[in-house]
Amino acid sequence: MAAKPPEPLTLDRIATPVGELLLVTDGDGAVRALEFDDFEDRLLRLLTRHYGPVVLTSGRAPVPVRAAIDAYFAGDRRALDGITVRTGGTEFQRQVWAALRTIPAGETRSYGQLAAAIARPKAVRAVGLANGANPVGIIVPCHRVIGANGTLTGYAGGIARKRWLLNHERRA
């Protein structure tokens, strides 16, 4: 059952070195979704899954959120740490997403390591599904999760972007 949609939801567009981001914030300035513009359908699908039908109004995200995203892409690896994120999702998904935010920039974890970090070592597949359903890419850094053998695995924004983000964080 979807939660009542937060009102209002603002959709901002931010240019980055790896493509335009779609940033959805609520009336309190919390980030509800972040996705690359070529995956707008996915963003809308996840928002609808979490809240039911939503109305997005074009506008500017709060200055501190935009500034943090700009700082991240300028090389400040910790710039996104203080952004407030509010998501729908199940309790398990929110637990996985919270664990993602504990992975330091420039580091990676396997799905198994992430499952162990939330004290659910046998829930590797469920962790993978929750990771894939993350509505707030980059800020909730699902790009930092890799296969058990160290390979880059699926990423909603595409493997090339995942590689770029990881390299960017390692260089910064």
N, C-alpha and C. Protein backbone atom coordinates (compact mmCIF):
# COMPACT_ATOMS: atom_id res chain seq x y z
N MET A 1 0.85 -1.18 0.00
CA MET A 1 0.00 0.00 0.00
C MET A 1 0.89 1.24 0.00
N ALA A 2 0.67 2.12 -0.91
CA ALA A 2 1.46 3.34 -1.03
C ALA A 2 1.07 4.32 0.06
N ALA A 3 2.06 5.05 0.54
CA ALA A 3 1.82 6.10 1.53
C ALA A 3 1.20 7.31 0.83
N LYS A 4 0.59 8.17 1.61
CA LYS A 4 0.02 9.40 1.05
C LYS A 4 1.16 10.22 0.44
N PRO A 5 0.95 10.75 -0.78
CA PRO A 5 2.04 11.50 -1.41
C PRO A 5 2.33 12.80 -0.66
N PRO A 6 3.61 13.10 -0.51
CA PRO A 6 3.99 14.36 0.14
C PRO A 6 3.63 15.53 -0.78
N GLU A 7 3.23 16.63 -0.19
CA GLU A 7 2.89 17.81 -0.98
C GLU A 7 3.70 18.99 -0.49
N PRO A 8 4.14 19.87 -1.28
CA PRO A 8 4.27 19.72 -2.74
C PRO A 8 5.57 19.00 -3.07
N LEU A 9 5.66 18.49 -4.28
CA LEU A 9 6.89 17.91 -4.78
C LEU A 9 7.40 18.78 -5.93
N THR A 10 8.66 19.18 -5.83
CA THR A 10 9.27 20.05 -6.84
C THR A 10 10.27 19.23 -7.64
N LEU A 11 10.22 19.39 -8.96
CA LEU A 11 11.16 18.73 -9.86
C LEU A 11 12.13 19.77 -10.40
N ASP A 12 13.41 19.57 -10.10
CA ASP A 12 14.47 20.44 -10.59
C ASP A 12 15.34 19.62 -11.53
N ARG A 13 16.05 20.31 -12.39
CA ARG A 13 16.97 19.67 -13.33
C ARG A 13 18.36 20.29 -13.14
N ILE A 14 19.36 19.42 -12.95
CA ILE A 14 20.71 19.90 -12.67
C ILE A 14 21.68 19.25 -13.65
N ALA A 15 22.44 20.07 -14.34
CA ALA A 15 23.46 19.57 -15.27
C ALA A 15 24.65 19.04 -14.48
N THR A 16 25.16 17.87 -14.90
CA THR A 16 26.34 17.28 -14.29
C THR A 16 27.26 16.78 -15.40
N PRO A 17 28.49 16.43 -15.06
CA PRO A 17 29.40 15.90 -16.08
C PRO A 17 28.94 14.57 -16.70
N VAL A 18 28.01 13.87 -16.07
CA VAL A 18 27.54 12.58 -16.60
C VAL A 18 26.08 12.62 -17.01
N GLY A 19 25.54 13.79 -17.22
CA GLY A 19 24.17 13.92 -17.69
C GLY A 19 23.32 14.72 -16.72
N GLU A 20 22.18 15.13 -17.22
CA GLU A 20 21.27 15.93 -16.40
C GLU A 20 20.59 15.06 -15.36
N LEU A 21 20.52 15.60 -14.13
CA LEU A 21 19.84 14.91 -13.03
C LEU A 21 18.45 15.49 -12.84
N LEU A 22 17.51 14.63 -12.51
CA LEU A 22 16.18 15.03 -12.10
C LEU A 22 16.14 14.91 -10.59
N LEU A 23 15.89 16.01 -9.92
CA LEU A 23 15.92 16.08 -8.46
C LEU A 23 14.54 16.44 -7.95
N VAL A 24 13.96 15.57 -7.14
CA VAL A 24 12.63 15.80 -6.57
C VAL A 24 12.78 16.07 -5.08
N THR A 25 12.27 17.23 -4.65
CA THR A 25 12.30 17.59 -3.23
C THR A 25 10.88 17.86 -2.75
N ASP A 26 10.70 17.72 -1.44
CA ASP A 26 9.38 18.00 -0.86
C ASP A 26 9.36 19.41 -0.29
N GLY A 27 8.25 19.79 0.30
CA GLY A 27 8.07 21.14 0.83
C GLY A 27 9.02 21.49 1.96
N ASP A 28 9.60 20.47 2.61
CA ASP A 28 10.57 20.71 3.67
C ASP A 28 12.00 20.75 3.15
N GLY A 29 12.18 20.52 1.85
CA GLY A 29 13.51 20.52 1.26
C GLY A 29 14.21 19.18 1.28
N ALA A 30 13.52 18.12 1.74
CA ALA A 30 14.12 16.78 1.74
C ALA A 30 14.07 16.20 0.33
N VAL A 31 15.09 15.44 -0.01
CA VAL A 31 15.14 14.81 -1.32
C VAL A 31 14.29 13.55 -1.28
N ARG A 32 13.38 13.45 -2.25
CA ARG A 32 12.50 12.28 -2.38
C ARG A 32 12.94 11.37 -3.51
N ALA A 33 13.61 11.93 -4.53
CA ALA A 33 14.08 11.13 -5.65
C ALA A 33 15.19 11.87 -6.38
N LEU A 34 16.10 11.11 -6.97
CA LEU A 34 17.18 11.67 -7.79
C LEU A 34 17.50 10.62 -8.85
N GLU A 35 17.41 11.04 -10.10
CA GLU A 35 17.60 10.10 -11.21
C GLU A 35 18.15 10.86 -12.41
N PHE A 36 18.82 10.15 -13.30
CA PHE A 36 19.27 10.76 -14.54
C PHE A 36 18.09 10.98 -15.46
N ASP A 37 18.14 12.05 -16.25
CA ASP A 37 16.98 12.44 -17.05
C ASP A 37 16.57 11.39 -18.08
N ASP A 38 17.50 10.56 -18.53
CA ASP A 38 17.11 9.53 -19.49
C ASP A 38 16.41 8.34 -18.82
N PHE A 39 16.23 8.43 -17.50
CA PHE A 39 15.49 7.42 -16.75
C PHE A 39 14.31 8.05 -16.01
N GLU A 40 13.72 9.06 -16.63
CA GLU A 40 12.59 9.76 -16.01
C GLU A 40 11.41 8.82 -15.76
N ASP A 41 11.17 7.88 -16.66
CA ASP A 41 10.09 6.92 -16.45
C ASP A 41 10.30 6.11 -15.18
N ARG A 42 11.54 5.72 -14.92
CA ARG A 42 11.87 4.97 -13.71
C ARG A 42 11.59 5.83 -12.48
N LEU A 43 11.99 7.09 -12.51
CA LEU A 43 11.76 8.00 -11.40
C LEU A 43 10.27 8.09 -11.09
N LEU A 44 9.47 8.29 -12.11
CA LEU A 44 8.02 8.40 -11.92
C LEU A 44 7.42 7.09 -11.42
N ARG A 45 7.90 5.97 -11.94
CA ARG A 45 7.42 4.66 -11.51
C ARG A 45 7.73 4.43 -10.02
N LEU A 46 8.95 4.77 -9.60
CA LEU A 46 9.31 4.57 -8.18
C LEU A 46 8.51 5.50 -7.28
N LEU A 47 8.35 6.75 -7.66
CA LEU A 47 7.56 7.67 -6.85
C LEU A 47 6.12 7.18 -6.72
N THR A 48 5.55 6.72 -7.82
CA THR A 48 4.17 6.21 -7.79
C THR A 48 4.07 4.95 -6.95
N ARG A 49 5.07 4.09 -7.04
CA ARG A 49 5.07 2.86 -6.23
C ARG A 49 5.11 3.20 -4.73
N HIS A 50 5.85 4.24 -4.38
CA HIS A 50 6.00 4.59 -2.97
C HIS A 50 4.85 5.42 -2.43
N TYR A 51 4.26 6.28 -3.27
CA TYR A 51 3.28 7.24 -2.76
C TYR A 51 1.95 7.22 -3.48
N GLY A 52 1.79 6.42 -4.52
CA GLY A 52 0.60 6.52 -5.35
C GLY A 52 0.80 7.66 -6.33
N PRO A 53 -0.27 8.11 -6.99
CA PRO A 53 -0.12 9.18 -7.98
C PRO A 53 0.49 10.45 -7.35
N VAL A 54 1.47 11.01 -8.03
CA VAL A 54 2.14 12.21 -7.53
C VAL A 54 2.07 13.31 -8.59
N VAL A 55 2.11 14.54 -8.12
CA VAL A 55 2.17 15.69 -9.01
C VAL A 55 3.52 16.36 -8.78
N LEU A 56 4.28 16.51 -9.86
CA LEU A 56 5.57 17.18 -9.78
C LEU A 56 5.44 18.57 -10.40
N THR A 57 5.89 19.57 -9.67
CA THR A 57 5.86 20.94 -10.15
C THR A 57 7.29 21.36 -10.47
N SER A 58 7.52 21.84 -11.68
CA SER A 58 8.86 22.31 -12.05
C SER A 58 9.25 23.48 -11.17
N GLY A 59 10.48 23.48 -10.71
CA GLY A 59 10.99 24.57 -9.88
C GLY A 59 12.41 24.29 -9.45
N ARG A 60 12.90 25.11 -8.54
CA ARG A 60 14.27 24.97 -8.06
C ARG A 60 14.27 24.25 -6.71
N ALA A 61 15.18 23.34 -6.57
CA ALA A 61 15.40 22.69 -5.27
C ALA A 61 16.01 23.71 -4.34
N PRO A 62 15.94 23.48 -3.04
CA PRO A 62 16.58 24.40 -2.09
C PRO A 62 18.06 24.60 -2.40
N VAL A 63 18.54 25.80 -2.19
CA VAL A 63 19.92 26.16 -2.49
C VAL A 63 20.92 25.21 -1.83
N PRO A 64 20.76 24.84 -0.55
CA PRO A 64 21.75 23.93 0.05
C PRO A 64 21.83 22.57 -0.65
N VAL A 65 20.70 22.07 -1.15
CA VAL A 65 20.71 20.77 -1.85
C VAL A 65 21.43 20.92 -3.18
N ARG A 66 21.09 21.95 -3.94
CA ARG A 66 21.77 22.18 -5.23
C ARG A 66 23.27 22.40 -5.02
N ALA A 67 23.61 23.17 -3.99
CA ALA A 67 25.02 23.47 -3.71
C ALA A 67 25.78 22.19 -3.35
N ALA A 68 25.16 21.31 -2.59
CA ALA A 68 25.82 20.05 -2.21
C ALA A 68 26.06 19.17 -3.44
N ILE A 69 25.09 19.11 -4.34
CA ILE A 69 25.26 18.31 -5.56
C ILE A 69 26.38 18.91 -6.42
N ASP A 70 26.37 20.23 -6.57
CA ASP A 70 27.45 20.88 -7.34
C ASP A 70 28.81 20.62 -6.69
N ALA A 71 28.89 20.70 -5.36
CA ALA A 71 30.16 20.46 -4.66
C ALA A 71 30.64 19.03 -4.85
N TYR A 72 29.70 18.08 -4.82
CA TYR A 72 30.07 16.68 -5.03
C TYR A 72 30.73 16.52 -6.41
N PHE A 73 30.09 17.06 -7.43
CA PHE A 73 30.64 16.90 -8.77
C PHE A 73 31.92 17.73 -8.98
N ALA A 74 32.15 18.72 -8.12
CA ALA A 74 33.38 19.50 -8.17
C ALA A 74 34.52 18.81 -7.41
N GLY A 75 34.20 17.69 -6.72
CA GLY A 75 35.25 16.93 -6.06
C GLY A 75 35.14 16.80 -4.56
N ASP A 76 34.13 17.39 -3.94
CA ASP A 76 33.94 17.25 -2.48
C ASP A 76 33.20 15.95 -2.21
N ARG A 77 33.94 14.91 -1.89
CA ARG A 77 33.37 13.57 -1.72
C ARG A 77 32.34 13.49 -0.60
N ARG A 78 32.38 14.38 0.36
CA ARG A 78 31.46 14.31 1.51
C ARG A 78 30.31 15.29 1.40
N ALA A 79 30.20 16.00 0.31
CA ALA A 79 29.21 17.06 0.16
C ALA A 79 27.77 16.56 0.29
N LEU A 80 27.52 15.31 -0.08
CA LEU A 80 26.16 14.79 -0.06
C LEU A 80 25.76 14.20 1.28
N ASP A 81 26.72 14.05 2.18
CA ASP A 81 26.47 13.38 3.46
C ASP A 81 25.38 14.05 4.30
N GLY A 82 25.28 15.36 4.24
CA GLY A 82 24.33 16.06 5.11
C GLY A 82 22.96 16.29 4.50
N ILE A 83 22.74 15.84 3.26
CA ILE A 83 21.45 16.05 2.62
C ILE A 83 20.40 15.16 3.27
N THR A 84 19.26 15.76 3.60
CA THR A 84 18.15 15.00 4.17
C THR A 84 17.41 14.28 3.05
N VAL A 85 17.21 12.99 3.23
CA VAL A 85 16.52 12.16 2.27
C VAL A 85 15.30 11.55 2.96
N ARG A 86 14.17 11.59 2.28
CA ARG A 86 12.96 10.91 2.78
C ARG A 86 12.44 10.04 1.65
N THR A 87 12.28 8.77 1.93
CA THR A 87 11.80 7.86 0.90
C THR A 87 10.60 7.09 1.42
N GLY A 88 9.85 6.55 0.48
CA GLY A 88 8.83 5.57 0.82
C GLY A 88 9.55 4.24 0.97
N GLY A 89 8.95 3.20 0.46
CA GLY A 89 9.58 1.89 0.52
C GLY A 89 9.24 1.15 1.79
N THR A 90 9.63 -0.11 1.80
CA THR A 90 9.39 -0.96 2.97
C THR A 90 10.43 -0.67 4.04
N GLU A 91 10.19 -1.16 5.22
CA GLU A 91 11.16 -1.01 6.31
C GLU A 91 12.51 -1.63 5.90
N PHE A 92 12.47 -2.81 5.27
CA PHE A 92 13.69 -3.47 4.83
C PHE A 92 14.43 -2.61 3.80
N GLN A 93 13.71 -2.08 2.81
CA GLN A 93 14.35 -1.22 1.81
C GLN A 93 15.00 -0.01 2.46
N ARG A 94 14.30 0.63 3.36
CA ARG A 94 14.87 1.81 4.03
C ARG A 94 16.10 1.44 4.85
N GLN A 95 16.11 0.24 5.41
CA GLN A 95 17.28 -0.23 6.16
C GLN A 95 18.47 -0.40 5.21
N VAL A 96 18.24 -0.97 4.04
CA VAL A 96 19.31 -1.14 3.05
C VAL A 96 19.80 0.23 2.59
N TRP A 97 18.86 1.13 2.30
CA TRP A 97 19.25 2.46 1.81
C TRP A 97 20.04 3.23 2.86
N ALA A 98 19.67 3.07 4.12
CA ALA A 98 20.45 3.72 5.20
C ALA A 98 21.86 3.13 5.24
N ALA A 99 21.98 1.82 5.06
CA ALA A 99 23.31 1.18 5.07
C ALA A 99 24.15 1.66 3.89
N LEU A 100 23.52 1.91 2.76
CA LEU A 100 24.26 2.43 1.60
C LEU A 100 24.94 3.75 1.94
N ARG A 101 24.26 4.57 2.72
CA ARG A 101 24.82 5.89 3.05
C ARG A 101 26.01 5.80 3.99
N THR A 102 26.26 4.62 4.56
CA THR A 102 27.43 4.46 5.44
C THR A 102 28.68 4.03 4.67
N ILE A 103 28.53 3.68 3.40
CA ILE A 103 29.69 3.29 2.59
C ILE A 103 30.44 4.57 2.23
N PRO A 104 31.69 4.70 2.67
CA PRO A 104 32.43 5.93 2.36
C PRO A 104 32.64 6.13 0.86
N ALA A 105 32.62 7.37 0.46
CA ALA A 105 32.88 7.72 -0.95
C ALA A 105 34.24 7.17 -1.35
N GLY A 106 34.29 6.60 -2.54
CA GLY A 106 35.53 6.03 -3.04
C GLY A 106 35.72 4.58 -2.67
N GLU A 107 34.83 4.03 -1.85
CA GLU A 107 34.90 2.62 -1.47
C GLU A 107 33.71 1.89 -2.05
N THR A 108 33.82 0.56 -2.09
CA THR A 108 32.72 -0.27 -2.57
C THR A 108 32.46 -1.39 -1.58
N ARG A 109 31.28 -1.97 -1.70
CA ARG A 109 30.90 -3.14 -0.93
C ARG A 109 30.17 -4.09 -1.86
N SER A 110 30.27 -5.37 -1.56
CA SER A 110 29.49 -6.35 -2.32
C SER A 110 28.09 -6.43 -1.72
N TYR A 111 27.18 -7.04 -2.47
CA TYR A 111 25.83 -7.24 -1.95
C TYR A 111 25.87 -8.07 -0.67
N GLY A 112 26.75 -9.06 -0.63
CA GLY A 112 26.90 -9.88 0.57
C GLY A 112 27.38 -9.06 1.76
N GLN A 113 28.34 -8.18 1.54
CA GLN A 113 28.83 -7.33 2.62
C GLN A 113 27.73 -6.39 3.11
N LEU A 114 26.93 -5.89 2.19
CA LEU A 114 25.84 -5.01 2.56
C LEU A 114 24.79 -5.78 3.37
N ALA A 115 24.49 -7.01 2.96
CA ALA A 115 23.54 -7.84 3.70
C ALA A 115 24.06 -8.11 5.11
N ALA A 116 25.35 -8.40 5.23
CA ALA A 116 25.94 -8.63 6.55
C ALA A 116 25.90 -7.36 7.40
N ALA A 117 26.07 -6.21 6.77
CA ALA A 117 26.08 -4.94 7.51
C ALA A 117 24.72 -4.64 8.15
N ILE A 118 23.65 -5.17 7.56
CA ILE A 118 22.33 -4.95 8.17
C ILE A 118 21.88 -6.17 8.98
N ALA A 119 22.84 -7.07 9.28
CA ALA A 119 22.59 -8.27 10.08
C ALA A 119 21.59 -9.21 9.41
N ARG A 120 21.64 -9.26 8.08
CA ARG A 120 20.79 -10.18 7.31
C ARG A 120 21.66 -10.88 6.26
N PRO A 121 22.68 -11.64 6.70
CA PRO A 121 23.66 -12.17 5.76
C PRO A 121 23.09 -13.10 4.69
N LYS A 122 21.93 -13.68 4.92
CA LYS A 122 21.34 -14.58 3.91
C LYS A 122 20.41 -13.84 2.95
N ALA A 123 20.24 -12.55 3.15
CA ALA A 123 19.30 -11.77 2.34
C ALA A 123 19.99 -11.05 1.18
N VAL A 124 20.98 -11.70 0.60
CA VAL A 124 21.77 -11.06 -0.46
C VAL A 124 20.89 -10.65 -1.64
N ARG A 125 20.03 -11.54 -2.09
CA ARG A 125 19.16 -11.21 -3.23
C ARG A 125 18.18 -10.09 -2.87
N ALA A 126 17.62 -10.15 -1.69
CA ALA A 126 16.69 -9.09 -1.25
C ALA A 126 17.41 -7.75 -1.16
N VAL A 127 18.65 -7.78 -0.70
CA VAL A 127 19.45 -6.55 -0.65
C VAL A 127 19.68 -6.03 -2.07
N GLY A 128 19.95 -6.93 -3.00
CA GLY A 128 20.12 -6.52 -4.39
C GLY A 128 18.86 -5.88 -4.96
N LEU A 129 17.71 -6.45 -4.64
CA LEU A 129 16.45 -5.88 -5.12
C LEU A 129 16.20 -4.51 -4.49
N ALA A 130 16.47 -4.38 -3.20
CA ALA A 130 16.29 -3.09 -2.52
C ALA A 130 17.24 -2.05 -3.11
N ASN A 131 18.47 -2.48 -3.36
CA ASN A 131 19.46 -1.58 -3.96
C ASN A 131 18.96 -1.08 -5.32
N GLY A 132 18.39 -1.98 -6.11
CA GLY A 132 17.88 -1.62 -7.42
C GLY A 132 16.64 -0.75 -7.39
N ALA A 133 15.93 -0.75 -6.26
CA ALA A 133 14.71 0.06 -6.12
C ALA A 133 14.98 1.40 -5.45
N ASN A 134 16.24 1.72 -5.22
CA ASN A 134 16.61 2.98 -4.58
C ASN A 134 16.15 4.16 -5.42
N PRO A 135 15.30 5.03 -4.86
CA PRO A 135 14.81 6.17 -5.65
C PRO A 135 15.73 7.39 -5.61
N VAL A 136 16.78 7.34 -4.80
CA VAL A 136 17.63 8.53 -4.61
C VAL A 136 19.07 8.17 -4.96
N GLY A 137 19.31 7.96 -6.25
CA GLY A 137 20.65 7.62 -6.70
C GLY A 137 21.67 8.68 -6.29
N ILE A 138 22.91 8.30 -6.27
CA ILE A 138 24.09 9.11 -5.95
C ILE A 138 24.09 9.52 -4.47
N ILE A 139 23.05 10.21 -3.99
CA ILE A 139 23.01 10.60 -2.57
C ILE A 139 22.92 9.36 -1.69
N VAL A 140 22.05 8.43 -2.06
CA VAL A 140 22.01 7.10 -1.45
C VAL A 140 22.80 6.24 -2.44
N PRO A 141 24.10 6.06 -2.16
CA PRO A 141 25.05 5.64 -3.20
C PRO A 141 25.01 4.16 -3.59
N CYS A 142 23.95 3.77 -4.28
CA CYS A 142 23.84 2.39 -4.76
C CYS A 142 24.94 2.07 -5.77
N HIS A 143 25.56 3.10 -6.35
CA HIS A 143 26.65 2.86 -7.30
C HIS A 143 27.88 2.27 -6.61
N ARG A 144 27.93 2.31 -5.30
CA ARG A 144 29.09 1.78 -4.56
C ARG A 144 28.97 0.28 -4.27
N VAL A 145 27.92 -0.36 -4.78
CA VAL A 145 27.75 -1.79 -4.57
C VAL A 145 28.17 -2.53 -5.84
N ILE A 146 29.01 -3.53 -5.65
CA ILE A 146 29.58 -4.29 -6.77
C ILE A 146 29.34 -5.78 -6.56
N GLY A 147 29.64 -6.55 -7.58
CA GLY A 147 29.51 -8.00 -7.47
C GLY A 147 30.53 -8.59 -6.50
N ALA A 148 30.25 -9.80 -6.04
CA ALA A 148 31.14 -10.47 -5.08
C ALA A 148 32.55 -10.64 -5.64
N ASN A 149 32.66 -10.75 -6.95
CA ASN A 149 33.98 -10.94 -7.57
C ASN A 149 34.65 -9.62 -7.93
N GLY A 150 34.06 -8.51 -7.50
CA GLY A 150 34.66 -7.20 -7.73
C GLY A 150 34.24 -6.52 -9.02
N THR A 151 33.37 -7.17 -9.80
CA THR A 151 32.94 -6.57 -11.07
C THR A 151 31.83 -5.55 -10.84
N LEU A 152 31.76 -4.60 -11.75
CA LEU A 152 30.67 -3.64 -11.72
C LEU A 152 29.42 -4.36 -12.20
N THR A 153 28.38 -4.29 -11.41
CA THR A 153 27.12 -4.93 -11.77
C THR A 153 26.10 -3.85 -12.08
N GLY A 154 24.90 -4.25 -12.42
CA GLY A 154 23.86 -3.34 -12.86
C GLY A 154 23.74 -2.06 -12.05
N TYR A 155 23.39 -1.00 -12.75
CA TYR A 155 23.17 0.30 -12.16
C TYR A 155 22.12 0.99 -13.00
N ALA A 156 21.10 1.54 -12.36
CA ALA A 156 19.98 2.14 -13.09
C ALA A 156 20.46 3.22 -14.06
N GLY A 157 21.51 3.94 -13.71
CA GLY A 157 22.03 4.99 -14.58
C GLY A 157 22.97 4.48 -15.66
N GLY A 158 23.25 3.18 -15.65
CA GLY A 158 24.14 2.57 -16.63
C GLY A 158 25.53 2.33 -16.06
N ILE A 159 26.17 1.29 -16.52
CA ILE A 159 27.50 0.90 -16.02
C ILE A 159 28.54 1.99 -16.28
N ALA A 160 28.46 2.67 -17.41
CA ALA A 160 29.44 3.74 -17.70
C ALA A 160 29.35 4.84 -16.66
N ARG A 161 28.15 5.20 -16.26
CA ARG A 161 28.01 6.23 -15.21
C ARG A 161 28.49 5.71 -13.86
N LYS A 162 28.20 4.45 -13.57
CA LYS A 162 28.65 3.86 -12.32
C LYS A 162 30.18 3.92 -12.25
N ARG A 163 30.82 3.53 -13.33
CA ARG A 163 32.29 3.57 -13.40
C ARG A 163 32.79 5.01 -13.20
N TRP A 164 32.14 5.97 -13.90
CA TRP A 164 32.54 7.36 -13.78
C TRP A 164 32.40 7.84 -12.34
N LEU A 165 31.27 7.55 -11.69
CA LEU A 165 31.05 8.00 -10.31
C LEU A 165 32.10 7.42 -9.36
N LEU A 166 32.38 6.13 -9.49
CA LEU A 166 33.38 5.50 -8.62
C LEU A 166 34.76 6.10 -8.87
N ASN A 167 35.14 6.30 -10.12
CA ASN A 167 36.44 6.91 -10.43
C ASN A 167 36.50 8.35 -9.92
N HIS A 168 35.42 9.08 -10.08
CA HIS A 168 35.34 10.46 -9.58
C HIS A 168 35.58 10.50 -8.07
N GLU A 169 34.93 9.60 -7.35
CA GLU A 169 35.09 9.58 -5.89
C GLU A 169 36.50 9.16 -5.49
N ARG A 170 37.11 8.28 -6.22
CA ARG A 170 38.47 7.84 -5.89
C ARG A 170 39.49 8.92 -6.18
N ARG A 171 39.23 9.73 -7.21
CA ARG A 171 40.15 10.82 -7.56
C ARG A 171 40.03 12.01 -6.60
N ALA A 172 38.84 12.23 -6.12
CA ALA A 172 38.57 13.44 -5.32
C ALA A 172 39.34 13.42 -4.01
